[in-house]
Structures are given as structure tokens and as C-alpha cells.
């Protein structure tokens, strides 16, 4: 004769299991969010000319993309741009240049 598992006939054990499952689901959610955060490409900001050279894109093309907001870029002073290189490379891959 097989023994009946405790959870099958003890309501308190079922409540404990449900609480444990809920805690595990919450932990999984937190861990998945952390993994997604760690998988993101780190930011690497360079002056526009250096970023364009690094990405293999023409300077003027990179400048136009920055001005149009097609890549992450910010003005440094009145005339200079600083570019997030991974976004420039991603834009290049998207267009297969």
C-alpha cells in the first residue's frame, strides 16, 4: 500500500505550498529582470567623428542621424556631438550599410 503524500490530506501543507510557489514566482520575476538588465549593451559615448570611424560610417551620415534623433546622441557645447556608439552600430546593421 502506498502512503498518501502529506499535502494531499493536510490543508495547512497546501497553504505552505501555495505560499512557496508564490515566493518562487516573485523571485523568478526579479531574476529575469536582472538578467535582462545585464544583457543590455553598455553605453559607450564618443565624439561624433571617433564614433563614426569606430562604426565604419561616414561622418556626415552619423551627423545627420544624430541630428534627426535616429541614434542616441547629445550636444556637447554648441557645435560638437557625443554619440552612443552601440546605437550607431545598431543603426548601421539595421540598414545593412
PDB file of N, CA and C in Angstrom:
ATOM      1  N   UNK A   1       0.833  -1.173   0.000  1.00  0.00           N
ATOM      2  CA  UNK A   1       0.000   0.000   0.000  1.00  0.00           C
ATOM      3  C   UNK A   1       0.890   1.253   0.000  1.00  0.00           C
ATOM      4  N   UNK A   2       0.507   2.203  -0.825  1.00  0.00           N
ATOM      5  CA  UNK A   2       1.284   3.445  -0.939  1.00  0.00           C
ATOM      6  C   UNK A   2       0.785   4.475   0.062  1.00  0.00           C
ATOM      7  N   UNK A   3       1.735   5.215   0.599  1.00  0.00           N
ATOM      8  CA  UNK A   3       1.369   6.258   1.554  1.00  0.00           C
ATOM      9  C   UNK A   3       0.860   7.481   0.805  1.00  0.00           C
ATOM     10  N   UNK A   4      -0.139   8.115   1.366  1.00  0.00           N
ATOM     11  CA  UNK A   4      -0.693   9.338   0.770  1.00  0.00           C
ATOM     12  C   UNK A   4       0.226  10.497   1.157  1.00  0.00           C
ATOM     13  N   UNK A   5       0.679  11.275   0.175  1.00  0.00           N
ATOM     14  CA  UNK A   5       1.537  12.418   0.498  1.00  0.00           C
ATOM     15  C   UNK A   5       0.841  13.360   1.466  1.00  0.00           C
ATOM     16  N   UNK A   6       1.625  13.974   2.339  1.00  0.00           N
ATOM     17  CA  UNK A   6       1.074  14.857   3.363  1.00  0.00           C
ATOM     18  C   UNK A   6       0.231  15.980   2.753  1.00  0.00           C
ATOM     19  N   UNK A   7       0.694  16.551   1.634  1.00  0.00           N
ATOM     20  CA  UNK A   7      -0.014  17.672   1.012  1.00  0.00           C
ATOM     21  C   UNK A   7      -1.397  17.277   0.526  1.00  0.00           C
ATOM     22  N   UNK A   8      -1.601  16.000   0.239  1.00  0.00           N
ATOM     23  CA  UNK A   8      -2.885  15.568  -0.300  1.00  0.00           C
ATOM     24  C   UNK A   8      -3.988  15.588   0.744  1.00  0.00           C
ATOM     25  N   UNK A   9      -3.650  15.493   2.015  1.00  0.00           N
ATOM     26  CA  UNK A   9      -4.705  15.438   3.028  1.00  0.00           C
ATOM     27  C   UNK A   9      -4.547  16.477   4.133  1.00  0.00           C
ATOM     28  N   UNK A  10      -3.558  17.352   4.046  1.00  0.00           N
ATOM     29  CA  UNK A  10      -3.322  18.377   5.064  1.00  0.00           C
ATOM     30  C   UNK A  10      -3.494  19.767   4.449  1.00  0.00           C
ATOM     31  N   UNK A  11      -4.582  20.466   4.769  1.00  0.00           N
ATOM     32  CA  UNK A  11      -4.828  21.798   4.191  1.00  0.00           C
ATOM     33  C   UNK A  11      -3.721  22.811   4.508  1.00  0.00           C
ATOM     34  N   UNK A  12      -3.108  22.696   5.695  1.00  0.00           N
ATOM     35  CA  UNK A  12      -2.024  23.625   6.046  1.00  0.00           C
ATOM     36  C   UNK A  12      -0.817  23.438   5.134  1.00  0.00           C
ATOM     37  N   UNK A  13      -0.550  22.195   4.766  1.00  0.00           N
ATOM     38  CA  UNK A  13       0.570  21.920   3.864  1.00  0.00           C
ATOM     39  C   UNK A  13       0.302  22.540   2.494  1.00  0.00           C
ATOM     40  N   UNK A  14      -0.955  22.485   2.038  1.00  0.00           N
ATOM     41  CA  UNK A  14      -1.314  23.106   0.755  1.00  0.00           C
ATOM     42  C   UNK A  14      -1.087  24.614   0.793  1.00  0.00           C
ATOM     43  N   UNK A  15      -1.450  25.246   1.908  1.00  0.00           N
ATOM     44  CA  UNK A  15      -1.236  26.692   2.033  1.00  0.00           C
ATOM     45  C   UNK A  15       0.256  27.016   1.981  1.00  0.00           C
ATOM     46  N   UNK A  16       1.062  26.183   2.654  1.00  0.00           N
ATOM     47  CA  UNK A  16       2.511  26.390   2.626  1.00  0.00           C
ATOM     48  C   UNK A  16       3.048  26.254   1.203  1.00  0.00           C
ATOM     49  N   UNK A  17       2.553  25.267   0.476  1.00  0.00           N
ATOM     50  CA  UNK A  17       2.998  25.066  -0.903  1.00  0.00           C
ATOM     51  C   UNK A  17       2.631  26.257  -1.778  1.00  0.00           C
ATOM     52  N   UNK A  18       1.411  26.751  -1.606  1.00  0.00           N
ATOM     53  CA  UNK A  18       0.975  27.904  -2.401  1.00  0.00           C
ATOM     54  C   UNK A  18       1.830  29.136  -2.087  1.00  0.00           C
ATOM     55  N   UNK A  19       2.141  29.328  -0.814  1.00  0.00           N
ATOM     56  CA  UNK A  19       2.984  30.462  -0.432  1.00  0.00           C
ATOM     57  C   UNK A  19       4.387  30.300  -1.024  1.00  0.00           C
ATOM     58  N   UNK A  20       4.913  29.087  -0.979  1.00  0.00           N
ATOM     59  CA  UNK A  20       6.245  28.829  -1.539  1.00  0.00           C
ATOM     60  C   UNK A  20       6.263  29.065  -3.045  1.00  0.00           C
ATOM     61  N   UNK A  21       5.233  28.607  -3.722  1.00  0.00           N
ATOM     62  CA  UNK A  21       5.144  28.797  -5.174  1.00  0.00           C
ATOM     63  C   UNK A  21       5.074  30.281  -5.507  1.00  0.00           C
ATOM     64  N   UNK A  22       4.285  31.028  -4.748  1.00  0.00           N
ATOM     65  CA  UNK A  22       4.154  32.469  -4.961  1.00  0.00           C
ATOM     66  C   UNK A  22       5.515  33.158  -4.769  1.00  0.00           C
ATOM     67  N   UNK A  23       6.238  32.777  -3.708  1.00  0.00           N
ATOM     68  CA  UNK A  23       7.560  33.360  -3.455  1.00  0.00           C
ATOM     69  C   UNK A  23       8.538  33.024  -4.576  1.00  0.00           C
ATOM     70  N   UNK A  24       8.488  31.791  -5.049  1.00  0.00           N
ATOM     71  CA  UNK A  24       9.371  31.383  -6.144  1.00  0.00           C
ATOM     72  C   UNK A  24       9.066  32.152  -7.424  1.00  0.00           C
ATOM     73  N   UNK A  25       7.793  32.348  -7.715  1.00  0.00           N
ATOM     74  CA  UNK A  25       7.420  33.113  -8.910  1.00  0.00           C
ATOM     75  C   UNK A  25       7.923  34.548  -8.812  1.00  0.00           C
ATOM     76  N   UNK A  26       7.815  35.137  -7.622  1.00  0.00           N
ATOM     77  CA  UNK A  26       8.315  36.502  -7.434  1.00  0.00           C
ATOM     78  C   UNK A  26       9.831  36.557  -7.615  1.00  0.00           C
ATOM     79  N   UNK A  27      10.525  35.558  -7.073  1.00  0.00           N
ATOM     80  CA  UNK A  27      11.980  35.510  -7.211  1.00  0.00           C
ATOM     81  C   UNK A  27      12.379  35.353  -8.677  1.00  0.00           C
ATOM     82  N   UNK A  28      11.655  34.528  -9.412  1.00  0.00           N
ATOM     83  CA  UNK A  28      11.937  34.328 -10.836  1.00  0.00           C
ATOM     84  C   UNK A  28      11.745  35.631 -11.601  1.00  0.00           C
ATOM     85  N   UNK A  29      10.682  36.362 -11.296  1.00  0.00           N
ATOM     86  CA  UNK A  29      10.418  37.639 -11.958  1.00  0.00           C
ATOM     87  C   UNK A  29      11.563  38.623 -11.715  1.00  0.00           C
ATOM     88  N   UNK A  30      12.016  38.702 -10.466  1.00  0.00           N
ATOM     89  CA  UNK A  30      13.119  39.606 -10.123  1.00  0.00           C
ATOM     90  C   UNK A  30      14.394  39.189 -10.857  1.00  0.00           C
ATOM     91  N   UNK A  31      14.682  37.891 -10.869  1.00  0.00           N
ATOM     92  CA  UNK A  31      15.892  37.398 -11.533  1.00  0.00           C
ATOM     93  C   UNK A  31      15.845  37.610 -13.042  1.00  0.00           C
ATOM     94  N   UNK A  32      14.678  37.419 -13.648  1.00  0.00           N
ATOM     95  CA  UNK A  32      14.553  37.633 -15.096  1.00  0.00           C
ATOM     96  C   UNK A  32      14.787  39.100 -15.442  1.00  0.00           C
ATOM     97  N   UNK A  33      14.283  40.009 -14.610  1.00  0.00           N
ATOM     98  CA  UNK A  33      14.503  41.438 -14.841  1.00  0.00           C
ATOM     99  C   UNK A  33      15.988  41.770 -14.724  1.00  0.00           C
ATOM    100  N   UNK A  34      16.657  41.166 -13.769  1.00  0.00           N
ATOM    101  CA  UNK A  34      18.093  41.414 -13.587  1.00  0.00           C
ATOM    102  C   UNK A  34      18.900  40.876 -14.767  1.00  0.00           C
ATOM    103  N   UNK A  35      18.549  39.689 -15.248  1.00  0.00           N
ATOM    104  CA  UNK A  35      19.231  39.111 -16.408  1.00  0.00           C
ATOM    105  C   UNK A  35      19.054  40.018 -17.623  1.00  0.00           C
ATOM    106  N   UNK A  36      17.831  40.501 -17.845  1.00  0.00           N
ATOM    107  CA  UNK A  36      17.572  41.402 -18.977  1.00  0.00           C
ATOM    108  C   UNK A  36      18.423  42.663 -18.859  1.00  0.00           C
ATOM    109  N   UNK A  37      18.557  43.171 -17.649  1.00  0.00           N
ATOM    110  CA  UNK A  37      19.364  44.373 -17.428  1.00  0.00           C
ATOM    111  C   UNK A  37      20.838  44.094 -17.734  1.00  0.00           C
ATOM    112  N   UNK A  38      21.333  42.939 -17.322  1.00  0.00           N
ATOM    113  CA  UNK A  38      22.738  42.598 -17.547  1.00  0.00           C
ATOM    114  C   UNK A  38      23.042  42.317 -19.011  1.00  0.00           C
ATOM    115  N   UNK A  39      22.036  41.885 -19.769  1.00  0.00           N
ATOM    116  CA  UNK A  39      22.240  41.573 -21.180  1.00  0.00           C
ATOM    117  C   UNK A  39      22.255  42.812 -22.064  1.00  0.00           C
ATOM    118  N   UNK A  40      21.854  43.947 -21.529  1.00  0.00           N
ATOM    119  CA  UNK A  40      21.841  45.174 -22.322  1.00  0.00           C
ATOM    120  C   UNK A  40      23.268  45.588 -22.668  1.00  0.00           C
ATOM    121  N   UNK A  41      23.414  46.120 -23.861  1.00  0.00           N
ATOM    122  CA  UNK A  41      24.718  46.603 -24.304  1.00  0.00           C
ATOM    123  C   UNK A  41      25.096  47.839 -23.490  1.00  0.00           C
ATOM    124  N   UNK A  42      26.297  47.860 -22.946  1.00  0.00           N
ATOM    125  CA  UNK A  42      26.700  49.034 -22.171  1.00  0.00           C
ATOM    126  C   UNK A  42      26.855  50.258 -23.075  1.00  0.00           C
ATOM    127  N   UNK A  43      26.641  51.409 -22.487  1.00  0.00           N
ATOM    128  CA  UNK A  43      26.792  52.647 -23.247  1.00  0.00           C
ATOM    129  C   UNK A  43      28.274  52.958 -23.423  1.00  0.00           C
ATOM    130  N   UNK A  44      28.613  53.465 -24.579  1.00  0.00           N
ATOM    131  CA  UNK A  44      29.987  53.890 -24.872  1.00  0.00           C
ATOM    132  C   UNK A  44      29.871  55.184 -25.667  1.00  0.00           C
ATOM    133  N   UNK A  45      30.096  56.294 -25.015  1.00  0.00           N
ATOM    134  CA  UNK A  45      29.951  57.597 -25.650  1.00  0.00           C
ATOM    135  C   UNK A  45      31.298  58.082 -26.169  1.00  0.00           C
ATOM    136  N   UNK A  46      31.296  58.494 -27.434  1.00  0.00           N
ATOM    137  CA  UNK A  46      32.494  59.045 -28.071  1.00  0.00           C
ATOM    138  C   UNK A  46      32.108  60.294 -28.852  1.00  0.00           C
ATOM    139  N   UNK A  47      33.090  61.150 -29.138  1.00  0.00           N
ATOM    140  CA  UNK A  47      32.812  62.269 -30.043  1.00  0.00           C
ATOM    141  C   UNK A  47      32.340  61.718 -31.389  1.00  0.00           C
ATOM    142  N   UNK A  48      31.539  62.490 -32.084  1.00  0.00           N
ATOM    143  CA  UNK A  48      30.916  62.039 -33.332  1.00  0.00           C
ATOM    144  C   UNK A  48      31.926  61.481 -34.334  1.00  0.00           C
ATOM    145  N   UNK A  49      33.017  62.186 -34.545  1.00  0.00           N
ATOM    146  CA  UNK A  49      33.998  61.750 -35.542  1.00  0.00           C
ATOM    147  C   UNK A  49      34.594  60.391 -35.168  1.00  0.00           C
ATOM    148  N   UNK A  50      34.954  60.214 -33.904  1.00  0.00           N
ATOM    149  CA  UNK A  50      35.532  58.945 -33.449  1.00  0.00           C
ATOM    150  C   UNK A  50      34.494  57.827 -33.507  1.00  0.00           C
ATOM    151  N   UNK A  51      33.256  58.137 -33.147  1.00  0.00           N
ATOM    152  CA  UNK A  51      32.190  57.131 -33.179  1.00  0.00           C
ATOM    153  C   UNK A  51      31.918  56.676 -34.607  1.00  0.00           C
ATOM    154  N   UNK A  52      31.876  57.627 -35.533  1.00  0.00           N
ATOM    155  CA  UNK A  52      31.639  57.288 -36.940  1.00  0.00           C
ATOM    156  C   UNK A  52      32.763  56.400 -37.464  1.00  0.00           C
ATOM    157  N   UNK A  53      33.994  56.749 -37.134  1.00  0.00           N
ATOM    158  CA  UNK A  53      35.146  55.944 -37.567  1.00  0.00           C
ATOM    159  C   UNK A  53      35.062  54.535 -36.964  1.00  0.00           C
ATOM    160  N   UNK A  54      34.769  54.456 -35.677  1.00  0.00           N
ATOM    161  CA  UNK A  54      34.678  53.173 -34.977  1.00  0.00           C
ATOM    162  C   UNK A  54      33.586  52.282 -35.566  1.00  0.00           C
ATOM    163  N   UNK A  55      32.468  52.892 -35.965  1.00  0.00           N
ATOM    164  CA  UNK A  55      31.335  52.129 -36.502  1.00  0.00           C
ATOM    165  C   UNK A  55      31.453  51.876 -38.000  1.00  0.00           C
ATOM    166  N   UNK A  56      32.401  52.540 -38.653  1.00  0.00           N
ATOM    167  CA  UNK A  56      32.542  52.369 -40.097  1.00  0.00           C
ATOM    168  C   UNK A  56      31.455  53.078 -40.882  1.00  0.00           C
ATOM    169  N   UNK A  57      31.056  54.235 -40.373  1.00  0.00           N
ATOM    170  CA  UNK A  57      30.004  55.044 -41.004  1.00  0.00           C
ATOM    171  C   UNK A  57      30.617  56.384 -41.379  1.00  0.00           C
ATOM    172  N   UNK A  58      30.177  56.955 -42.478  1.00  0.00           N
ATOM    173  CA  UNK A  58      30.655  58.281 -42.854  1.00  0.00           C
ATOM    174  C   UNK A  58      30.269  59.298 -41.781  1.00  0.00           C
ATOM    175  N   UNK A  59      31.171  60.240 -41.537  1.00  0.00           N
ATOM    176  CA  UNK A  59      30.936  61.274 -40.535  1.00  0.00           C
ATOM    177  C   UNK A  59      29.615  61.994 -40.785  1.00  0.00           C
ATOM    178  N   UNK A  60      29.396  62.411 -42.022  1.00  0.00           N
ATOM    179  CA  UNK A  60      28.193  63.185 -42.349  1.00  0.00           C
ATOM    180  C   UNK A  60      26.926  62.360 -42.125  1.00  0.00           C
ATOM    181  N   UNK A  61      26.984  61.070 -42.436  1.00  0.00           N
ATOM    182  CA  UNK A  61      25.831  60.188 -42.204  1.00  0.00           C
ATOM    183  C   UNK A  61      25.524  60.122 -40.713  1.00  0.00           C
ATOM    184  N   UNK A  62      26.556  59.909 -39.904  1.00  0.00           N
ATOM    185  CA  UNK A  62      26.369  59.839 -38.454  1.00  0.00           C
ATOM    186  C   UNK A  62      25.833  61.161 -37.913  1.00  0.00           C
ATOM    187  N   UNK A  63      26.331  62.274 -38.455  1.00  0.00           N
ATOM    188  CA  UNK A  63      25.862  63.593 -38.002  1.00  0.00           C
ATOM    189  C   UNK A  63      24.385  63.785 -38.315  1.00  0.00           C
ATOM    190  N   UNK A  64      23.980  63.386 -39.515  1.00  0.00           N
ATOM    191  CA  UNK A  64      22.568  63.514 -39.897  1.00  0.00           C
ATOM    192  C   UNK A  64      21.678  62.627 -39.027  1.00  0.00           C
ATOM    193  N   UNK A  65      22.129  61.403 -38.739  1.00  0.00           N
ATOM    194  CA  UNK A  65      21.358  60.501 -37.873  1.00  0.00           C
ATOM    195  C   UNK A  65      21.228  61.085 -36.470  1.00  0.00           C
ATOM    196  N   UNK A  66      22.319  61.676 -35.979  1.00  0.00           N
ATOM    197  CA  UNK A  66      22.289  62.284 -34.648  1.00  0.00           C
ATOM    198  C   UNK A  66      21.311  63.452 -34.623  1.00  0.00           C
ATOM    199  N   UNK A  67      21.399  64.296 -35.634  1.00  0.00           N
ATOM    200  CA  UNK A  67      20.532  65.477 -35.712  1.00  0.00           C
ATOM    201  C   UNK A  67      19.061  65.086 -35.827  1.00  0.00           C
ATOM    202  N   UNK A  68      18.787  63.986 -36.552  1.00  0.00           N
ATOM    203  CA  UNK A  68      17.408  63.527 -36.744  1.00  0.00           C
ATOM    204  C   UNK A  68      16.893  62.699 -35.566  1.00  0.00           C
ATOM    205  N   UNK A  69      17.773  62.389 -34.611  1.00  0.00           N
ATOM    206  CA  UNK A  69      17.351  61.597 -33.457  1.00  0.00           C
ATOM    207  C   UNK A  69      17.267  60.106 -33.748  1.00  0.00           C
ATOM    208  N   UNK A  70      17.933  59.658 -34.792  1.00  0.00           N
ATOM    209  CA  UNK A  70      17.884  58.245 -35.169  1.00  0.00           C
ATOM    210  C   UNK A  70      18.885  57.391 -34.390  1.00  0.00           C
ATOM    211  N   UNK A  71      19.819  58.038 -33.710  1.00  0.00           N
ATOM    212  CA  UNK A  71      20.764  57.361 -32.822  1.00  0.00           C
ATOM    213  C   UNK A  71      20.820  58.159 -31.525  1.00  0.00           C
ATOM    214  N   UNK A  72      21.316  57.543 -30.462  1.00  0.00           N
ATOM    215  CA  UNK A  72      21.462  58.276 -29.205  1.00  0.00           C
ATOM    216  C   UNK A  72      22.660  59.204 -29.323  1.00  0.00           C
ATOM    217  N   UNK A  73      22.390  60.480 -29.234  1.00  0.00           N
ATOM    218  CA  UNK A  73      23.449  61.478 -29.334  1.00  0.00           C
ATOM    219  C   UNK A  73      23.048  62.688 -28.507  1.00  0.00           C
ATOM    220  N   UNK A  74      24.042  63.412 -28.071  1.00  0.00           N
ATOM    221  CA  UNK A  74      23.763  64.634 -27.308  1.00  0.00           C
ATOM    222  C   UNK A  74      24.780  65.695 -27.697  1.00  0.00           C
ATOM    223  N   UNK A  75      24.326  66.908 -27.611  1.00  0.00           N
ATOM    224  CA  UNK A  75      25.213  68.027 -27.936  1.00  0.00           C
ATOM    225  C   UNK A  75      26.160  68.284 -26.770  1.00  0.00           C
ATOM    226  N   UNK A  76      27.392  68.560 -27.133  1.00  0.00           N
ATOM    227  CA  UNK A  76      28.396  68.962 -26.155  1.00  0.00           C
ATOM    228  C   UNK A  76      28.838  70.347 -26.597  1.00  0.00           C
ATOM    229  N   UNK A  77      28.356  71.345 -25.915  1.00  0.00           N
ATOM    230  CA  UNK A  77      28.616  72.711 -26.364  1.00  0.00           C
ATOM    231  C   UNK A  77      27.677  73.051 -27.518  1.00  0.00           C
ATOM    232  N   UNK A  78      28.073  74.028 -28.321  1.00  0.00           N
ATOM    233  CA  UNK A  78      27.203  74.469 -29.415  1.00  0.00           C
ATOM    234  C   UNK A  78      27.398  73.668 -30.690  1.00  0.00           C
ATOM    235  N   UNK A  79      28.599  73.160 -30.921  1.00  0.00           N
ATOM    236  CA  UNK A  79      28.880  72.568 -32.224  1.00  0.00           C
ATOM    237  C   UNK A  79      29.231  71.085 -32.195  1.00  0.00           C
ATOM    238  N   UNK A  80      29.524  70.546 -31.062  1.00  0.00           N
ATOM    239  CA  UNK A  80      30.005  69.163 -31.010  1.00  0.00           C
ATOM    240  C   UNK A  80      28.902  68.192 -30.588  1.00  0.00           C
ATOM    241  N   UNK A  81      29.026  66.965 -31.096  1.00  0.00           N
ATOM    242  CA  UNK A  81      28.106  65.885 -30.748  1.00  0.00           C
ATOM    243  C   UNK A  81      28.883  64.778 -30.049  1.00  0.00           C
ATOM    244  N   UNK A  82      28.231  64.143 -29.090  1.00  0.00           N
ATOM    245  CA  UNK A  82      28.747  62.933 -28.474  1.00  0.00           C
ATOM    246  C   UNK A  82      27.731  61.841 -28.797  1.00  0.00           C
ATOM    247  N   UNK A  83      28.221  60.671 -29.216  1.00  0.00           N
ATOM    248  CA  UNK A  83      27.339  59.615 -29.729  1.00  0.00           C
ATOM    249  C   UNK A  83      27.513  58.335 -28.915  1.00  0.00           C
ATOM    250  N   UNK A  84      26.406  57.662 -28.638  1.00  0.00           N
ATOM    251  CA  UNK A  84      26.440  56.338 -28.018  1.00  0.00           C
ATOM    252  C   UNK A  84      26.758  55.343 -29.137  1.00  0.00           C
ATOM    253  N   UNK A  85      27.987  54.834 -29.152  1.00  0.00           N
ATOM    254  CA  UNK A  85      28.487  54.014 -30.262  1.00  0.00           C
ATOM    255  C   UNK A  85      27.615  52.783 -30.542  1.00  0.00           C
ATOM    256  N   UNK A  86      27.176  52.009 -29.533  1.00  0.00           N
ATOM    257  CA  UNK A  86      26.343  50.836 -29.851  1.00  0.00           C
ATOM    258  C   UNK A  86      25.062  51.183 -30.621  1.00  0.00           C
ATOM    259  N   UNK A  87      24.479  52.358 -30.362  1.00  0.00           N
ATOM    260  CA  UNK A  87      23.271  52.725 -31.114  1.00  0.00           C
ATOM    261  C   UNK A  87      23.613  53.066 -32.559  1.00  0.00           C
ATOM    262  N   UNK A  88      24.793  53.642 -32.770  1.00  0.00           N
ATOM    263  CA  UNK A  88      25.243  53.945 -34.133  1.00  0.00           C
ATOM    264  C   UNK A  88      25.492  52.645 -34.903  1.00  0.00           C
ATOM    265  N   UNK A  89      26.145  51.692 -34.254  1.00  0.00           N
ATOM    266  CA  UNK A  89      26.404  50.398 -34.896  1.00  0.00           C
ATOM    267  C   UNK A  89      25.104  49.642 -35.167  1.00  0.00           C
ATOM    268  N   UNK A  90      24.159  49.739 -34.242  1.00  0.00           N
ATOM    269  CA  UNK A  90      22.864  49.067 -34.432  1.00  0.00           C
ATOM    270  C   UNK A  90      22.113  49.671 -35.612  1.00  0.00           C
ATOM    271  N   UNK A  91      22.162  50.988 -35.736  1.00  0.00           N
ATOM    272  CA  UNK A  91      21.510  51.671 -36.863  1.00  0.00           C
ATOM    273  C   UNK A  91      22.150  51.232 -38.180  1.00  0.00           C
ATOM    274  N   UNK A  92      23.464  51.117 -38.189  1.00  0.00           N
ATOM    275  CA  UNK A  92      24.173  50.672 -39.393  1.00  0.00           C
ATOM    276  C   UNK A  92      23.744  49.250 -39.765  1.00  0.00           C
ATOM    277  N   UNK A  93      23.680  48.355 -38.762  1.00  0.00           N
ATOM    278  CA  UNK A  93      23.247  46.970 -39.026  1.00  0.00           C
ATOM    279  C   UNK A  93      21.813  46.932 -39.538  1.00  0.00           C
ATOM    280  N   UNK A  94      20.967  47.778 -38.970  1.00  0.00           N
ATOM    281  CA  UNK A  94      19.563  47.830 -39.379  1.00  0.00           C
ATOM    282  C   UNK A  94      19.438  48.166 -40.856  1.00  0.00           C
ATOM    283  N   UNK A  95      20.279  49.063 -41.316  1.00  0.00           N
ATOM    284  CA  UNK A  95      20.231  49.484 -42.715  1.00  0.00           C
ATOM    285  C   UNK A  95      21.172  48.678 -43.599  1.00  0.00           C
ATOM    286  N   UNK A  96      21.951  47.785 -42.983  1.00  0.00           N
ATOM    287  CA  UNK A  96      22.897  46.907 -43.699  1.00  0.00           C
ATOM    288  C   UNK A  96      23.824  47.701 -44.616  1.00  0.00           C
ATOM    289  N   UNK A  97      24.438  48.728 -44.056  1.00  0.00           N
ATOM    290  CA  UNK A  97      25.394  49.545 -44.821  1.00  0.00           C
ATOM    291  C   UNK A  97      26.758  48.896 -44.832  1.00  0.00           C
TER     292      UNK A  97
END
